[in-house]
Amino acid sequence: MYGLITKIKATTGHRDELISILTEGTARIPGCLSYVVAKDQNDADAIWITEVWVNQDSHRASLLLPAVQQAIALGRPIIAGFGERFETIPVSGLVDGPLRTASGSDLDVDASAQTVDGVKITVQDLTAGAGIIQGLGGVLP
């Protein structure tokens, strides 16, 4: 797996607009396991983006997608600059909420109870089997 944690500083007063741009239309990016945008508690114009990808190639490929290109073009004028950027190797995590399989079936994931459709399961169980969690919000093959 491949992870990125990036700090982005919006131009003064445009943080919420930038968050909206970065989260709109990114619900199903192939290879993306997690995409979290968070407000910095100490800087009213800063956000942190935490991403988990199947691998670095899937992240690179995502940058060529039309929805991502559009978000970059819309966001660029209100980005004042970039702060820290960390590349990571994710080793564990949780999903809580609905997942959709590649065949279109919905699964109910309850992270606190560690269940999928009421059956006790761990993230390791999900990733060790036929596929891995994919897509923002979670997609199982």
C-alpha atoms as a PDB file:
ATOM      1  CA  MET A   1       0.000   0.000   0.000  1.00  0.00           C
ATOM      2  CA  TYR A   2       0.964   3.626  -0.462  1.00  0.00           C
ATOM      3  CA  GLY A   3      -0.008   6.575   1.714  1.00  0.00           C
ATOM      4  CA  LEU A   4       0.253  10.334   1.507  1.00  0.00           C
ATOM      5  CA  ILE A   5      -0.337  12.979   4.150  1.00  0.00           C
ATOM      6  CA  THR A   6      -0.258  16.514   2.773  1.00  0.00           C
ATOM      7  CA  LYS A   7      -0.880  19.956   4.245  1.00  0.00           C
ATOM      8  CA  ILE A   8      -2.389  22.520   1.885  1.00  0.00           C
ATOM      9  CA  LYS A   9      -2.892  26.183   2.735  1.00  0.00           C
ATOM     10  CA  ALA A  10      -5.857  27.897   1.080  1.00  0.00           C
ATOM     11  CA  THR A  11      -5.894  31.579   0.331  1.00  0.00           C
ATOM     12  CA  THR A  12      -7.404  33.542   3.231  1.00  0.00           C
ATOM     13  CA  GLY A  13     -11.062  32.724   3.712  1.00  0.00           C
ATOM     14  CA  HIS A  14     -11.230  30.001   1.036  1.00  0.00           C
ATOM     15  CA  ARG A  15     -10.582  26.848   3.067  1.00  0.00           C
ATOM     16  CA  ASP A  16     -14.173  25.543   2.934  1.00  0.00           C
ATOM     17  CA  GLU A  17     -14.369  26.228  -0.807  1.00  0.00           C
ATOM     18  CA  LEU A  18     -11.134  24.280  -1.342  1.00  0.00           C
ATOM     19  CA  ILE A  19     -12.439  21.399   0.770  1.00  0.00           C
ATOM     20  CA  SER A  20     -15.587  21.297  -1.340  1.00  0.00           C
ATOM     21  CA  ILE A  21     -13.579  21.217  -4.576  1.00  0.00           C
ATOM     22  CA  LEU A  22     -11.263  18.474  -3.315  1.00  0.00           C
ATOM     23  CA  THR A  23     -14.071  16.234  -2.090  1.00  0.00           C
ATOM     24  CA  GLU A  24     -16.641  16.709  -4.846  1.00  0.00           C
ATOM     25  CA  GLY A  25     -16.606  14.082  -7.570  1.00  0.00           C
ATOM     26  CA  THR A  26     -13.931  11.936  -5.963  1.00  0.00           C
ATOM     27  CA  ALA A  27     -16.243   9.248  -4.561  1.00  0.00           C
ATOM     28  CA  ARG A  28     -14.991   6.360  -6.705  1.00  0.00           C
ATOM     29  CA  ILE A  29     -11.365   6.633  -7.727  1.00  0.00           C
ATOM     30  CA  PRO A  30      -9.868   3.266  -8.692  1.00  0.00           C
ATOM     31  CA  GLY A  31      -7.154   2.161  -6.295  1.00  0.00           C
ATOM     32  CA  CYS A  32      -8.041   4.702  -3.601  1.00  0.00           C
ATOM     33  CA  LEU A  33      -8.700   2.996  -0.270  1.00  0.00           C
ATOM     34  CA  SER A  34      -9.128   6.167   1.768  1.00  0.00           C
ATOM     35  CA  TYR A  35      -9.243   9.914   1.068  1.00  0.00           C
ATOM     36  CA  VAL A  36      -9.754  12.086   4.138  1.00  0.00           C
ATOM     37  CA  VAL A  37      -9.764  15.887   4.122  1.00  0.00           C
ATOM     38  CA  ALA A  38      -9.454  17.519   7.553  1.00  0.00           C
ATOM     39  CA  LYS A  39      -9.355  21.102   8.809  1.00  0.00           C
ATOM     40  CA  ASP A  40      -6.212  22.128  10.687  1.00  0.00           C
ATOM     41  CA  GLN A  41      -7.214  23.102  14.242  1.00  0.00           C
ATOM     42  CA  ASN A  42      -4.556  25.808  14.549  1.00  0.00           C
ATOM     43  CA  ASP A  43      -4.644  27.427  11.099  1.00  0.00           C
ATOM     44  CA  ALA A  44      -7.970  28.700   9.736  1.00  0.00           C
ATOM     45  CA  ASP A  45      -6.732  28.411   6.151  1.00  0.00           C
ATOM     46  CA  ALA A  46      -4.993  25.009   6.281  1.00  0.00           C
ATOM     47  CA  ILE A  47      -6.238  21.517   5.507  1.00  0.00           C
ATOM     48  CA  TRP A  48      -4.664  18.081   5.733  1.00  0.00           C
ATOM     49  CA  ILE A  49      -5.304  15.375   3.155  1.00  0.00           C
ATOM     50  CA  THR A  50      -4.642  11.786   4.185  1.00  0.00           C
ATOM     51  CA  GLU A  51      -4.732   9.250   1.345  1.00  0.00           C
ATOM     52  CA  VAL A  52      -4.285   5.485   1.213  1.00  0.00           C
ATOM     53  CA  TRP A  53      -3.798   3.812  -2.164  1.00  0.00           C
ATOM     54  CA  VAL A  54      -3.399   0.252  -3.364  1.00  0.00           C
ATOM     55  CA  ASN A  55       0.047   1.296  -4.607  1.00  0.00           C
ATOM     56  CA  GLN A  56       1.941   4.364  -5.808  1.00  0.00           C
ATOM     57  CA  ASP A  57       1.077   3.644  -9.455  1.00  0.00           C
ATOM     58  CA  SER A  58      -2.665   3.869  -8.691  1.00  0.00           C
ATOM     59  CA  HIS A  59      -2.072   7.276  -7.113  1.00  0.00           C
ATOM     60  CA  ARG A  60      -0.114   8.476 -10.143  1.00  0.00           C
ATOM     61  CA  ALA A  61      -2.827   7.181 -12.485  1.00  0.00           C
ATOM     62  CA  SER A  62      -5.510   9.025 -10.496  1.00  0.00           C
ATOM     63  CA  LEU A  63      -3.862  12.345 -11.308  1.00  0.00           C
ATOM     64  CA  LEU A  64      -4.740  11.791 -14.984  1.00  0.00           C
ATOM     65  CA  LEU A  65      -8.470  11.226 -14.389  1.00  0.00           C
ATOM     66  CA  PRO A  66     -10.765  13.996 -15.716  1.00  0.00           C
ATOM     67  CA  ALA A  67     -12.474  14.524 -12.315  1.00  0.00           C
ATOM     68  CA  VAL A  68      -9.111  14.912 -10.593  1.00  0.00           C
ATOM     69  CA  GLN A  69      -7.786  17.204 -13.330  1.00  0.00           C
ATOM     70  CA  GLN A  70     -10.913  19.355 -12.950  1.00  0.00           C
ATOM     71  CA  ALA A  71     -10.482  19.537  -9.161  1.00  0.00           C
ATOM     72  CA  ILE A  72      -6.844  20.574  -9.609  1.00  0.00           C
ATOM     73  CA  ALA A  73      -7.797  23.290 -12.103  1.00  0.00           C
ATOM     74  CA  LEU A  74     -10.586  24.637  -9.864  1.00  0.00           C
ATOM     75  CA  GLY A  75      -8.522  24.470  -6.686  1.00  0.00           C
ATOM     76  CA  ARG A  76      -5.247  25.905  -7.983  1.00  0.00           C
ATOM     77  CA  PRO A  77      -6.345  29.601  -7.860  1.00  0.00           C
ATOM     78  CA  ILE A  78      -7.284  29.348  -4.162  1.00  0.00           C
ATOM     79  CA  ILE A  79      -4.237  27.392  -2.989  1.00  0.00           C
ATOM     80  CA  ALA A  80      -1.763  29.687  -1.253  1.00  0.00           C
ATOM     81  CA  GLY A  81       0.832  26.970  -0.841  1.00  0.00           C
ATOM     82  CA  PHE A  82       1.766  23.512   0.345  1.00  0.00           C
ATOM     83  CA  GLY A  83       3.168  22.554   3.729  1.00  0.00           C
ATOM     84  CA  GLU A  84       4.461  19.247   4.933  1.00  0.00           C
ATOM     85  CA  ARG A  85       4.134  16.173   2.731  1.00  0.00           C
ATOM     86  CA  PHE A  86       4.762  12.673   4.009  1.00  0.00           C
ATOM     87  CA  GLU A  87       4.809   9.412   2.067  1.00  0.00           C
ATOM     88  CA  THR A  88       3.829   6.439   4.201  1.00  0.00           C
ATOM     89  CA  ILE A  89       3.339   2.681   4.066  1.00  0.00           C
ATOM     90  CA  PRO A  90      -0.080   2.019   5.642  1.00  0.00           C
ATOM     91  CA  VAL A  91      -0.261  -1.217   7.612  1.00  0.00           C
ATOM     92  CA  SER A  92      -3.717  -1.201   9.234  1.00  0.00           C
ATOM     93  CA  GLY A  93      -7.000   0.674   9.339  1.00  0.00           C
ATOM     94  CA  LEU A  94     -10.775   0.596   9.701  1.00  0.00           C
ATOM     95  CA  VAL A  95     -13.762   1.173   7.449  1.00  0.00           C
ATOM     96  CA  ASP A  96     -17.077   2.183   8.985  1.00  0.00           C
ATOM     97  CA  GLY A  97     -20.213   2.516   6.901  1.00  0.00           C
ATOM     98  CA  PRO A  98     -21.469   1.132   3.619  1.00  0.00           C
ATOM     99  CA  LEU A  99     -19.191  -0.662   1.154  1.00  0.00           C
ATOM    100  CA  ARG A 100     -20.142  -1.642  -2.370  1.00  0.00           C
ATOM    101  CA  THR A 101     -18.762  -4.723  -4.045  1.00  0.00           C
ATOM    102  CA  ALA A 102     -17.667  -4.683  -7.669  1.00  0.00           C
ATOM    103  CA  SER A 103     -20.794  -6.678  -8.472  1.00  0.00           C
ATOM    104  CA  GLY A 104     -22.910  -3.849  -7.016  1.00  0.00           C
ATOM    105  CA  SER A 105     -23.905  -5.437  -3.697  1.00  0.00           C
ATOM    106  CA  ASP A 106     -23.935  -3.188  -0.639  1.00  0.00           C
ATOM    107  CA  LEU A 107     -22.326  -4.372   2.590  1.00  0.00           C
ATOM    108  CA  ASP A 108     -22.897  -2.782   5.997  1.00  0.00           C
ATOM    109  CA  VAL A 109     -19.627  -2.300   7.870  1.00  0.00           C
ATOM    110  CA  ASP A 110     -19.732  -1.484  11.578  1.00  0.00           C
ATOM    111  CA  ALA A 111     -16.183  -0.695  12.696  1.00  0.00           C
ATOM    112  CA  SER A 112     -17.043  -0.514  16.401  1.00  0.00           C
ATOM    113  CA  ALA A 113     -18.584  -4.008  16.333  1.00  0.00           C
ATOM    114  CA  GLN A 114     -16.063  -5.210  13.696  1.00  0.00           C
ATOM    115  CA  THR A 115     -18.806  -6.720  11.548  1.00  0.00           C
ATOM    116  CA  VAL A 116     -19.716  -6.851   7.860  1.00  0.00           C
ATOM    117  CA  ASP A 117     -23.404  -7.571   7.307  1.00  0.00           C
ATOM    118  CA  GLY A 118     -23.551  -8.676  10.951  1.00  0.00           C
ATOM    119  CA  VAL A 119     -20.675 -11.173  10.632  1.00  0.00           C
ATOM    120  CA  LYS A 120     -17.607 -10.618  12.823  1.00  0.00           C
ATOM    121  CA  ILE A 121     -14.633  -9.760  10.577  1.00  0.00           C
ATOM    122  CA  THR A 122     -11.380  -7.757  10.602  1.00  0.00           C
ATOM    123  CA  VAL A 123      -9.755  -5.554   7.993  1.00  0.00           C
ATOM    124  CA  GLN A 124      -7.103  -8.267   7.651  1.00  0.00           C
ATOM    125  CA  ASP A 125      -9.892 -10.704   6.712  1.00  0.00           C
ATOM    126  CA  LEU A 126     -11.034  -8.334   3.981  1.00  0.00           C
ATOM    127  CA  THR A 127      -7.572  -7.755   2.557  1.00  0.00           C
ATOM    128  CA  ALA A 128      -6.356 -11.352   2.815  1.00  0.00           C
ATOM    129  CA  GLY A 129      -9.121 -12.781   0.647  1.00  0.00           C
ATOM    130  CA  ALA A 130      -9.934 -12.394  -3.023  1.00  0.00           C
ATOM    131  CA  GLY A 131      -9.586  -8.623  -3.043  1.00  0.00           C
ATOM    132  CA  ILE A 132      -9.012  -5.461  -1.084  1.00  0.00           C
ATOM    133  CA  ILE A 133     -11.107  -2.486  -0.161  1.00  0.00           C
ATOM    134  CA  GLN A 134     -11.069  -0.103  -3.108  1.00  0.00           C
ATOM    135  CA  GLY A 135     -12.555   3.264  -3.894  1.00  0.00           C
ATOM    136  CA  LEU A 136     -13.276   6.192  -1.688  1.00  0.00           C
ATOM    137  CA  GLY A 137     -15.946   5.131   0.768  1.00  0.00           C
ATOM    138  CA  GLY A 138     -14.900   1.545   0.118  1.00  0.00           C
ATOM    139  CA  VAL A 139     -15.429  -0.830  -2.741  1.00  0.00           C
ATOM    140  CA  LEU A 140     -14.764  -4.533  -2.460  1.00  0.00           C
ATOM    141  CA  PRO A 141     -14.056  -6.570  -5.612  1.00  0.00           C
END
